[in-house]
Amino acid sequence: MTVTAAKGFEAAGVVAGLKSTGKPDVAVVVNRGPAKVGAAVFTSNRAKANPILWSQQAVSDGVVEAVVLNSGGANCFTGTFGFQTTHQTAEKAAELLGVSSGDILVCSTGLIGTGDEIFRAKVLDGVEKGVAALSADGGAAAASAIMTTDTVSKTAVRERDGWTIGGMAKGAGMLAPGLATMLVVITTDAVLDAADADAHLRHATHVSFDRLDSDGCMSTNDQVTLLASGASGVVPDPEAFRAALTAVCIELAEKLQGDAEGASHDITIEVRHAASESDAVEVGRSVARNNLFKAAIFGNDPNWGRVLAAIGTTQADFDPYEVDVWMNGVRVCTDGGPDAPREDVDLTPRATHVVIDLKSGEATVRILTNDLTHDYVHENSAYSS
């Protein structure tokens, strides 16, 4: 049920003709509950798409009635006309729902530079169809409609004492922090105020989506939205809510990783005993973005030397000659030198776990990435972005 698992929400996914495949390409998620609380985090890319510019303004007062999402076109670098398209999208949804356009968020994903008159007409038609199709059972259709190069839809739900959180996500390429080529909508029927919703969402994304770094490429359209309907009537324990929201975000991030374009390995890089969290993130990310390391994993080669070479480029506080490295449970490097023979390491499973012990402090962080494959290169040479 995804985004409609929580009380007070309806959703739809419809075909507007934006995709050449004829598959669903416009989704609408509406909050029908007594509260209209909303929060969102956005790409840190300075080149922001028109829907991002609109939604940043719309969410600033903490009130969100609905989210309209389209795949099949990013509406990025489409000038004033493209921003007007986003504005008209919000106005169309607001008119049909009987609310203010300033309380409608808009998200787009697809080819950068797409957003002409035909695109606009199809999106507006999709909004009309989507609102007409709204249903408390429409979560699965909405999750399908936001897919681009995704091969499967991504959803997650957590139910707690009297309240629920449900979410959907899309993303398969350009997966890098800030946030990761993704559109995410998360709903809850818990009673929250706007400040708490914003704080909880920022924490959850910080330790989930911001640590997904599949290919080091940052999108222009990333948006993660949290809607709270208050329909359960339950005010959750703040720590319990934050933990559940974080669990939903981590599950969605892992599903994004598992569907990364062309990948044959899902790599978890765990950095232990760093002097600080920021050091741990920097070290983990240096490995996640190292093409030599990623190519080695694709070839099932436990090349720990490439790990040490990558982390040596960082400013993190550690001694390279004291670092230990494990790959899939086998310590292949100890104190910056060889340990177990490479033959002891089995990298044939898709799930790959790399542990880097810096021996410099107490901080531990996980970074999620993928290997570099022929299929990834082929897919991204065939798909313009």
Protein backbone atom coordinates (compact mmCIF):
# COMPACT_ATOMS: atom_id res chain seq x y z
CA MET A 1 0.00 0.00 0.00
CA THR A 2 3.07 2.25 0.32
CA VAL A 3 2.09 5.92 0.55
CA THR A 4 -1.53 4.98 1.22
CA ALA A 5 -0.68 2.65 4.10
CA ALA A 6 -1.09 5.55 6.52
CA LYS A 7 -4.59 6.85 7.19
CA GLY A 8 -5.75 9.97 5.41
CA PHE A 9 -3.99 9.53 2.08
CA GLU A 10 -5.04 8.80 -1.47
CA ALA A 11 -2.83 8.28 -4.50
CA ALA A 12 -2.92 7.47 -8.19
CA GLY A 13 -0.61 6.63 -11.05
CA VAL A 14 -1.78 7.24 -14.62
CA VAL A 15 -0.61 7.26 -18.23
CA ALA A 16 -0.16 10.75 -19.68
CA GLY A 17 1.96 9.84 -22.69
CA LEU A 18 5.25 11.24 -21.40
CA LYS A 19 6.98 7.86 -21.73
CA SER A 20 7.43 6.31 -25.14
CA THR A 21 6.73 2.93 -23.54
CA GLY A 22 3.15 3.87 -22.77
CA LYS A 23 3.64 3.06 -19.09
CA PRO A 24 2.27 5.19 -16.22
CA ASP A 25 4.14 8.47 -15.89
CA VAL A 26 2.18 10.83 -13.63
CA ALA A 27 1.51 10.22 -9.94
CA VAL A 28 -0.55 12.20 -7.47
CA VAL A 29 -0.46 11.82 -3.68
CA VAL A 30 -3.07 13.75 -1.67
CA ASN A 31 -3.42 14.33 2.06
CA ARG A 32 -7.10 14.04 3.04
CA GLY A 33 -6.42 14.09 6.78
CA PRO A 34 -7.19 16.73 9.39
CA ALA A 35 -3.60 18.04 9.35
CA LYS A 36 -1.69 19.14 6.25
CA VAL A 37 1.86 19.06 7.56
CA GLY A 38 4.69 18.80 5.06
CA ALA A 39 8.47 18.87 5.01
CA ALA A 40 10.99 18.26 2.25
CA VAL A 41 14.69 18.10 1.53
CA PHE A 42 16.15 18.83 -1.87
CA THR A 43 19.20 18.27 -4.04
CA SER A 44 22.28 20.27 -3.05
CA ASN A 45 23.17 20.61 -6.73
CA ARG A 46 23.30 24.32 -7.62
CA ALA A 47 21.72 23.45 -10.97
CA LYS A 48 18.20 22.93 -9.67
CA ALA A 49 15.27 21.90 -11.85
CA ASN A 50 12.13 24.04 -12.04
CA PRO A 51 10.06 21.72 -9.81
CA ILE A 52 12.72 22.02 -7.11
CA LEU A 53 12.62 25.82 -7.26
CA TRP A 54 8.82 25.72 -6.97
CA SER A 55 8.64 23.13 -4.22
CA GLN A 56 11.26 24.86 -2.08
CA GLN A 57 8.97 27.89 -1.96
CA ALA A 58 5.78 25.91 -1.51
CA VAL A 59 6.98 23.85 1.46
CA SER A 60 8.49 26.76 3.35
CA ASP A 61 5.36 27.30 5.48
CA GLY A 62 5.13 23.62 6.45
CA VAL A 63 1.73 23.13 4.80
CA VAL A 64 1.37 20.62 1.94
CA GLU A 65 -1.91 19.36 0.52
CA ALA A 66 -0.59 17.17 -2.30
CA VAL A 67 2.40 16.15 -4.38
CA VAL A 68 2.32 15.79 -8.17
CA LEU A 69 5.12 13.75 -9.72
CA ASN A 70 5.97 12.98 -13.32
CA SER A 71 8.52 10.75 -14.98
CA GLY A 72 9.44 11.02 -18.65
CA GLY A 73 10.94 14.51 -18.43
CA ALA A 74 12.99 16.45 -15.87
CA ASN A 75 11.76 19.97 -16.72
CA CYS A 76 15.30 21.15 -15.96
CA PHE A 77 17.14 23.83 -17.94
CA THR A 78 13.90 24.66 -19.72
CA GLY A 79 13.91 28.36 -18.82
CA THR A 80 10.99 30.55 -17.82
CA PHE A 81 8.61 28.40 -19.85
CA GLY A 82 9.58 25.37 -17.78
CA PHE A 83 8.96 27.17 -14.49
CA GLN A 84 5.58 28.28 -15.78
CA THR A 85 4.84 24.64 -16.59
CA THR A 86 5.56 23.72 -12.98
CA HIS A 87 3.39 26.60 -11.78
CA GLN A 88 0.53 25.53 -14.04
CA THR A 89 0.90 21.95 -12.82
CA ALA A 90 0.41 23.11 -9.24
CA GLU A 91 -2.48 25.36 -10.24
CA LYS A 92 -4.23 22.55 -12.11
CA ALA A 93 -3.93 20.20 -9.14
CA ALA A 94 -5.08 22.92 -6.74
CA GLU A 95 -8.10 23.74 -8.89
CA LEU A 96 -9.18 20.10 -9.06
CA LEU A 97 -8.59 19.52 -5.34
CA GLY A 98 -10.06 22.82 -4.16
CA VAL A 99 -6.91 23.98 -2.37
CA SER A 100 -4.20 26.62 -2.81
CA SER A 101 -1.54 26.09 -5.48
CA GLY A 102 1.02 27.23 -2.92
CA ASP A 103 0.34 24.02 -1.00
CA ILE A 104 1.11 21.72 -3.94
CA LEU A 105 4.60 20.28 -4.40
CA VAL A 106 5.76 19.25 -7.87
CA CYS A 107 8.44 16.69 -8.74
CA SER A 108 9.81 15.70 -12.14
CA THR A 109 12.32 13.10 -13.32
CA GLY A 110 13.68 12.08 -16.67
CA LEU A 111 15.73 13.64 -19.46
CA ILE A 112 17.23 17.05 -18.68
CA GLY A 113 16.11 19.68 -21.19
CA THR A 114 12.69 18.10 -21.67
CA GLY A 115 9.80 20.50 -21.12
CA ASP A 116 8.23 21.89 -24.29
CA GLU A 117 4.57 22.66 -25.06
CA ILE A 118 3.77 19.01 -25.70
CA PHE A 119 5.34 18.04 -22.37
CA ARG A 120 3.28 20.68 -20.57
CA ALA A 121 0.04 19.54 -22.17
CA LYS A 122 0.68 15.92 -21.27
CA VAL A 123 1.58 16.72 -17.66
CA LEU A 124 -1.56 18.81 -17.18
CA ASP A 125 -3.64 16.05 -18.73
CA GLY A 126 -1.96 13.60 -16.38
CA VAL A 127 -2.84 15.73 -13.37
CA GLU A 128 -6.49 15.71 -14.40
CA LYS A 129 -6.47 11.95 -14.91
CA GLY A 130 -4.55 11.42 -11.68
CA VAL A 131 -6.92 13.40 -9.50
CA ALA A 132 -9.87 11.56 -11.05
CA ALA A 133 -8.22 8.23 -10.24
CA LEU A 134 -7.31 8.99 -6.62
CA SER A 135 -7.89 6.06 -4.30
CA ALA A 136 -6.88 4.81 -0.87
CA ASP A 137 -5.54 1.78 -2.76
CA GLY A 138 -3.56 3.83 -5.28
CA GLY A 139 -0.14 3.63 -3.67
CA ALA A 140 1.24 0.86 -5.87
CA ALA A 141 0.14 2.63 -9.05
CA ALA A 142 1.78 5.85 -7.89
CA ALA A 143 5.05 4.05 -7.12
CA SER A 144 5.04 2.56 -10.62
CA ALA A 145 4.35 5.89 -12.31
CA ILE A 146 7.50 7.59 -11.02
CA MET A 147 9.91 4.95 -12.39
CA THR A 148 12.42 5.88 -15.12
CA THR A 149 15.29 3.43 -15.63
CA ASP A 150 14.13 1.59 -12.51
CA THR A 151 13.33 -2.07 -13.09
CA VAL A 152 11.11 -2.38 -10.01
CA SER A 153 9.10 0.01 -7.86
CA LYS A 154 10.43 0.74 -4.37
CA THR A 155 8.17 0.92 -1.33
CA ALA A 156 8.46 0.54 2.45
CA VAL A 157 6.06 0.58 5.40
CA ARG A 158 6.45 0.63 9.19
CA GLU A 159 3.50 0.19 11.55
CA ARG A 160 3.81 1.19 15.19
CA ASP A 161 1.48 1.65 18.16
CA GLY A 162 -1.47 3.37 16.53
CA TRP A 163 0.39 5.08 13.69
CA THR A 164 1.98 4.17 10.37
CA ILE A 165 4.67 5.41 7.99
CA GLY A 166 4.65 4.46 4.30
CA GLY A 167 6.92 5.50 1.48
CA MET A 168 7.76 5.15 -2.20
CA ALA A 169 10.95 5.99 -4.09
CA LYS A 170 12.40 6.01 -7.58
CA GLY A 171 16.01 6.03 -8.63
CA ALA A 172 18.48 3.82 -10.48
CA GLY A 173 21.18 6.09 -11.89
CA MET A 174 22.92 9.34 -10.90
CA LEU A 175 22.93 8.04 -7.35
CA ALA A 176 25.14 10.26 -5.22
CA PRO A 177 24.78 12.24 -2.01
CA GLY A 178 22.66 15.30 -2.02
CA LEU A 179 20.39 13.27 -2.26
CA ALA A 180 20.85 10.61 -4.94
CA THR A 181 18.76 10.84 -8.15
CA MET A 182 15.63 10.16 -6.38
CA LEU A 183 12.08 11.16 -5.87
CA VAL A 184 10.70 10.00 -2.55
CA VAL A 185 7.32 10.57 -0.94
CA ILE A 186 6.76 9.40 2.63
CA THR A 187 3.44 9.64 4.44
CA THR A 188 2.40 9.21 8.04
CA ASP A 189 -0.84 9.45 9.97
CA ALA A 190 1.00 10.40 13.16
CA VAL A 191 0.31 13.82 14.67
CA LEU A 192 3.33 16.03 13.97
CA ASP A 193 3.98 19.74 13.75
CA ALA A 194 5.94 21.16 10.85
CA ALA A 195 9.11 21.80 12.84
CA ASP A 196 9.26 18.23 14.12
CA ALA A 197 8.49 16.79 10.69
CA ASP A 198 11.33 18.80 9.19
CA ALA A 199 13.81 17.81 11.91
CA HIS A 200 12.92 14.12 11.73
CA LEU A 201 13.14 14.08 7.93
CA ARG A 202 16.52 15.81 7.85
CA HIS A 203 17.95 13.34 10.34
CA ALA A 204 16.56 10.33 8.48
CA THR A 205 17.82 11.47 5.07
CA HIS A 206 21.23 12.33 6.51
CA VAL A 207 21.87 8.74 7.56
CA SER A 208 20.18 7.06 4.59
CA PHE A 209 19.83 8.73 1.20
CA ASP A 210 22.79 11.03 1.78
CA ARG A 211 24.97 7.94 2.23
CA LEU A 212 23.96 6.28 -1.00
CA ASP A 213 26.68 6.89 -3.58
CA SER A 214 26.27 4.47 -6.44
CA ASP A 215 28.01 6.37 -9.22
CA GLY A 216 29.09 9.74 -7.82
CA CYS A 217 26.73 11.70 -10.09
CA MET A 218 24.39 14.21 -8.42
CA SER A 219 20.97 14.89 -9.87
CA THR A 220 19.24 18.24 -10.46
CA ASN A 221 15.81 16.97 -9.40
CA ASP A 222 16.20 15.14 -6.08
CA GLN A 223 13.40 15.62 -3.60
CA VAL A 224 12.33 13.73 -0.49
CA THR A 225 8.95 14.75 0.92
CA LEU A 226 7.25 13.85 4.21
CA LEU A 227 3.49 14.39 4.60
CA ALA A 228 1.71 14.04 7.94
CA SER A 229 -2.09 13.76 8.04
CA GLY A 230 -2.64 13.44 11.79
CA ALA A 231 -5.46 11.00 10.93
CA SER A 232 -4.43 8.48 13.59
CA GLY A 233 -4.90 11.04 16.35
CA VAL A 234 -1.74 9.70 17.99
CA VAL A 235 1.18 11.89 18.99
CA PRO A 236 4.16 9.54 18.68
CA ASP A 237 7.14 9.32 20.97
CA PRO A 238 9.70 11.49 19.14
CA GLU A 239 12.50 8.92 19.35
CA ALA A 240 10.22 6.11 18.20
CA PHE A 241 8.98 8.14 15.25
CA ARG A 242 12.48 9.17 14.22
CA ALA A 243 13.66 5.56 14.41
CA ALA A 244 10.75 4.31 12.29
CA LEU A 245 11.17 7.08 9.71
CA THR A 246 14.88 6.37 9.52
CA ALA A 247 14.17 2.67 9.02
CA VAL A 248 11.84 3.46 6.11
CA CYS A 249 14.44 5.74 4.52
CA ILE A 250 17.22 3.18 4.94
CA GLU A 251 15.07 0.44 3.42
CA LEU A 252 14.23 2.65 0.45
CA ALA A 253 17.89 3.64 0.03
CA GLU A 254 18.91 -0.02 0.02
CA LYS A 255 16.26 -0.76 -2.60
CA LEU A 256 17.59 2.07 -4.74
CA GLN A 257 21.06 0.58 -4.38
CA GLY A 258 19.76 -2.86 -5.30
CA ASP A 259 18.28 -1.54 -8.55
CA ALA A 260 21.23 0.64 -9.57
CA GLU A 261 21.81 0.76 -13.30
CA GLY A 262 23.82 -2.19 -14.58
CA ALA A 263 25.16 -3.16 -11.16
CA SER A 264 26.17 -6.71 -10.31
CA HIS A 265 27.29 -6.01 -6.73
CA ASP A 266 25.65 -4.03 -3.93
CA ILE A 267 28.56 -2.82 -1.83
CA THR A 268 28.27 -1.73 1.79
CA ILE A 269 31.38 0.14 2.91
CA GLU A 270 31.54 0.24 6.69
CA VAL A 271 34.09 2.64 8.12
CA ARG A 272 34.88 1.91 11.77
CA HIS A 273 36.74 3.75 14.50
CA ALA A 274 37.01 7.05 12.67
CA ALA A 275 37.95 10.21 14.55
CA SER A 276 34.61 11.79 13.59
CA GLU A 277 31.47 11.06 11.61
CA SER A 278 32.59 13.46 8.89
CA ASP A 279 35.93 11.63 8.62
CA ALA A 280 34.13 8.30 8.32
CA VAL A 281 31.85 9.64 5.58
CA GLU A 282 34.77 11.14 3.67
CA VAL A 283 36.72 7.88 3.81
CA GLY A 284 33.75 5.74 2.81
CA ARG A 285 32.83 8.04 -0.03
CA SER A 286 36.40 8.08 -1.37
CA VAL A 287 36.19 4.33 -1.85
CA ALA A 288 32.62 4.39 -3.17
CA ARG A 289 33.65 6.80 -5.92
CA ASN A 290 36.90 5.06 -6.85
CA ASN A 291 36.46 3.48 -10.27
CA LEU A 292 39.46 1.18 -9.84
CA PHE A 293 37.95 -0.27 -6.67
CA LYS A 294 34.51 -0.57 -8.25
CA ALA A 295 35.94 -2.30 -11.31
CA ALA A 296 37.86 -4.71 -9.08
CA ILE A 297 34.68 -5.71 -7.27
CA PHE A 298 32.98 -6.25 -10.63
CA GLY A 299 35.81 -8.67 -11.44
CA ASN A 300 35.44 -10.40 -8.03
CA ASP A 301 38.93 -9.18 -7.13
CA PRO A 302 39.47 -8.30 -3.42
CA ASN A 303 41.99 -5.61 -4.30
CA TRP A 304 42.50 -3.99 -0.90
CA GLY A 305 45.36 -1.88 -2.27
CA ARG A 306 42.83 0.17 -4.18
CA VAL A 307 40.96 0.77 -0.93
CA LEU A 308 44.06 2.14 0.79
CA ALA A 309 44.99 4.22 -2.24
CA ALA A 310 41.51 5.76 -2.26
CA ILE A 311 41.34 6.62 1.43
CA GLY A 312 44.83 8.11 1.26
CA THR A 313 43.43 10.94 -0.84
CA THR A 314 41.23 12.17 2.04
CA GLN A 315 41.93 14.67 4.81
CA ALA A 316 40.60 12.28 7.47
CA ASP A 317 42.62 11.70 10.63
CA PHE A 318 44.21 8.23 10.46
CA ASP A 319 47.52 6.47 9.85
CA PRO A 320 47.41 4.46 6.58
CA TYR A 321 49.91 2.03 8.06
CA GLU A 322 47.55 1.07 10.87
CA VAL A 323 44.42 0.46 8.77
CA ASP A 324 42.73 -2.95 8.59
CA VAL A 325 40.44 -3.98 5.71
CA TRP A 326 37.93 -6.85 5.56
CA MET A 327 36.07 -8.04 2.48
CA ASN A 328 33.09 -10.31 2.99
CA GLY A 329 34.32 -11.30 6.42
CA VAL A 330 37.95 -11.96 5.50
CA ARG A 331 40.68 -9.63 6.76
CA VAL A 332 42.75 -9.00 3.66
CA CYS A 333 44.82 -6.13 5.08
CA THR A 334 46.17 -5.59 8.58
CA ASP A 335 48.14 -2.55 9.71
CA GLY A 336 48.44 -1.38 6.13
CA GLY A 337 49.89 -4.65 4.86
CA PRO A 338 48.78 -8.01 3.43
CA ASP A 339 46.84 -10.48 5.54
CA ALA A 340 44.69 -13.37 4.23
CA PRO A 341 45.33 -14.45 0.63
CA ARG A 342 42.90 -13.17 -1.98
CA GLU A 343 41.78 -16.72 -2.70
CA ASP A 344 40.08 -16.79 0.71
CA VAL A 345 37.62 -14.05 -0.29
CA ASP A 346 34.40 -14.95 -2.10
CA LEU A 347 33.07 -11.94 -3.99
CA THR A 348 30.65 -13.86 -6.19
CA PRO A 349 27.54 -12.96 -4.11
CA ARG A 350 25.79 -9.72 -5.10
CA ALA A 351 25.99 -8.44 -1.52
CA THR A 352 29.51 -7.23 -0.78
CA HIS A 353 30.63 -6.00 2.64
CA VAL A 354 33.84 -4.00 2.98
CA VAL A 355 35.02 -2.96 6.45
CA ILE A 356 37.70 -0.30 6.89
CA ASP A 357 39.03 0.06 10.44
CA LEU A 358 40.85 3.39 10.82
CA LYS A 359 41.72 2.88 14.52
CA SER A 360 41.42 6.61 15.12
CA GLY A 361 38.28 7.07 17.20
CA GLU A 362 34.75 5.84 17.84
CA ALA A 363 32.69 6.94 14.81
CA THR A 364 31.18 4.33 12.49
CA VAL A 365 29.37 5.02 9.20
CA ARG A 366 27.95 2.95 6.33
CA ILE A 367 28.18 4.11 2.72
CA LEU A 368 26.22 2.25 0.03
CA THR A 369 27.58 1.90 -3.49
CA ASN A 370 27.79 -0.46 -6.47
CA ASP A 371 30.38 -1.90 -8.80
CA LEU A 372 31.27 -0.50 -12.22
CA THR A 373 30.08 -2.80 -14.99
CA HIS A 374 29.87 -3.08 -18.76
CA ASP A 375 26.09 -2.84 -18.44
CA TYR A 376 26.31 0.47 -16.56
CA VAL A 377 28.47 1.99 -19.30
CA HIS A 378 26.20 0.64 -22.02
CA GLU A 379 23.01 1.87 -20.36
CA ASN A 380 24.37 5.35 -19.81
CA SER A 381 25.79 5.61 -23.32
CA ALA A 382 22.36 4.71 -24.71
CA TYR A 383 20.31 6.94 -22.36
CA SER A 384 20.78 10.70 -22.66
CA SER A 385 20.73 12.53 -19.34
